[in-house]
Every structure is written in structure tokens, then in C-alpha cells.
Protein backbone atom coordinates (compact mmCIF):
# COMPACT_ATOMS: atom_id res chain seq x y z
CA UNK A 1 13.93 74.74 -21.27
CA UNK A 2 16.71 72.88 -23.00
CA UNK A 3 18.45 70.16 -21.12
CA UNK A 4 22.12 70.78 -20.49
CA UNK A 5 24.26 68.26 -22.36
CA UNK A 6 26.36 66.10 -20.06
CA UNK A 7 29.73 64.79 -21.21
CA UNK A 8 29.56 61.02 -21.42
CA UNK A 9 32.38 58.60 -22.06
CA UNK A 10 32.07 56.88 -25.41
CA UNK A 11 31.54 53.15 -25.55
CA UNK A 12 34.87 51.33 -25.80
CA UNK A 13 35.10 48.93 -28.70
CA UNK A 14 37.17 45.81 -29.23
CA UNK A 15 39.40 47.40 -31.86
CA UNK A 16 39.79 50.74 -30.04
CA UNK A 17 40.10 50.54 -26.23
CA UNK A 18 39.21 53.48 -23.99
CA UNK A 19 42.28 55.65 -23.43
CA UNK A 20 42.51 57.86 -20.35
CA UNK A 21 45.00 60.72 -20.00
CA UNK A 22 46.23 62.78 -17.07
CA UNK A 23 45.77 66.55 -17.13
CA UNK A 24 49.44 66.98 -18.04
CA UNK A 25 49.15 64.46 -20.89
CA UNK A 26 46.07 66.28 -22.24
CA UNK A 27 47.94 69.60 -22.31
CA UNK A 28 50.92 67.97 -24.06
CA UNK A 29 48.65 66.31 -26.63
CA UNK A 30 47.07 69.52 -27.97
CA UNK A 31 49.13 72.60 -28.90
CA UNK A 32 47.93 75.69 -27.06
CA UNK A 33 45.95 73.76 -24.44
CA UNK A 34 47.00 74.45 -20.86
CA UNK A 35 46.61 72.24 -17.81
CA UNK A 36 44.42 74.93 -16.25
CA UNK A 37 42.05 74.85 -19.23
CA UNK A 38 41.75 71.06 -18.96
CA UNK A 39 40.93 71.41 -15.24
CA UNK A 40 38.27 74.02 -16.06
CA UNK A 41 36.67 71.73 -18.66
CA UNK A 42 36.62 68.95 -16.06
CA UNK A 43 35.09 71.16 -13.35
CA UNK A 44 32.38 72.27 -15.81
CA UNK A 45 31.70 68.62 -16.82
CA UNK A 46 32.35 69.43 -20.47
CA UNK A 47 34.63 66.41 -20.98
CA UNK A 48 34.31 62.86 -19.65
CA UNK A 49 36.60 62.20 -16.70
CA UNK A 50 37.08 60.23 -13.50
CA UNK A 51 38.98 60.88 -10.30
CA UNK A 52 41.35 58.16 -9.20
CA UNK A 53 41.82 58.57 -5.48
CA UNK A 54 40.01 60.22 -2.63
CA UNK A 55 38.15 63.50 -2.87
CA UNK A 56 39.55 66.67 -4.40
CA UNK A 57 43.12 65.35 -4.21
CA UNK A 58 42.44 62.41 -6.52
CA UNK A 59 44.22 62.29 -9.86
CA UNK A 60 42.02 63.40 -12.76
CA UNK A 61 41.88 61.03 -15.72
CA UNK A 62 40.29 62.36 -18.91
CA UNK A 63 38.88 60.36 -21.80
CA UNK A 64 41.09 61.09 -24.83
CA UNK A 65 38.17 60.61 -27.23
CA UNK A 66 35.97 62.98 -25.22
CA UNK A 67 38.66 65.68 -25.12
CA UNK A 68 39.38 65.50 -28.85
CA UNK A 69 35.65 65.45 -29.67
CA UNK A 70 35.01 68.50 -27.50
CA UNK A 71 37.87 70.38 -29.19
CA UNK A 72 36.66 69.33 -32.63
CA UNK A 73 39.81 67.38 -33.46
CA UNK A 74 39.42 64.18 -35.47
CA UNK A 75 41.34 61.30 -34.01
């Protein structure tokens, strides 16, 4: 069986710090991408993310690099 690929946050570098975006910012960044789609990608662990806050009500922060890489967009 093939192992399922987990989304991992890329290593931040000195010249390019890790940038995290809210769901709304992700949808605004990419034309045609909805907030619902971003939430689905997060729930399926297809993009690197963290929850800031407690439980299901915590704000979702998505790695910009991970989102763009998943969508095949060069940054």
C-alpha cells in the first residue's frame, strides 16, 4: 500500500520567512478559490495549517507556500 502524503509546512529560511494566511486571505489571493474550498483542503490535510485558538472555533491559519504549492502556482 502507498503511504498517504501528509501536507507539511516548508522550512522557513532567513531570506523568506514563513507567511500564514487566514481562510479569507487565501480566497482573496487566488482567483476562483472560495473560502469553502480552502476549508475543505484544510479538513482533508492537503495543505499545511494550524488552528489559533481552542477547538473547532479556533482561527485557521494556512501556510501561503503550502497553498500555492498545492495549487501548482509558482510564488
